Amino acid sequence: IGGPLMITMLINTMAPIATLFGLELIAAFSRCWGRCTAWTQKRLDDAYTGPEFDIATRYGEVLMCVMVTMMYGSGMPLLYAFASFFCLTIAFFDKRFLLRVCRRPPRYGTDLAALAVAV
């Protein structure tokens, strides 16, 4: 059971990072293409407006990583390294994605964080 679980955790660690990096490249291409082809301010605004940040999916990914690590980490200590790598890199890439690509997010309250802690 250890091998497939480690491969799954490695894939679940790298997939969100690759997705954010790919979306950042697409947004950069969209801005560059919009600068060259936009004839109106509306089209230029559309080219520079990024996607919404999906915080619910990110909470689910982080909670999954922490839960699997806490459940199986005593038998497979390498999971702790995967979890710490995931948390550090996803924090860096989320901050970068929010500041460079996404539109201004809505004000989130503390309800979602309190619900995640209660789980």
Foldseek 3Di string as FASTA:
>chain_A
DVVVVVVVLVCLLVVVVVVLVVLLVVLVVLQVVQVVPPPDVVSNVVSQAAAADDVVVVLVSLLVLVVVCVVCCVVPVVSVVSNVSSVVSVVVSVVVCQVRGHDPYDDDDCPVVVVSVVD
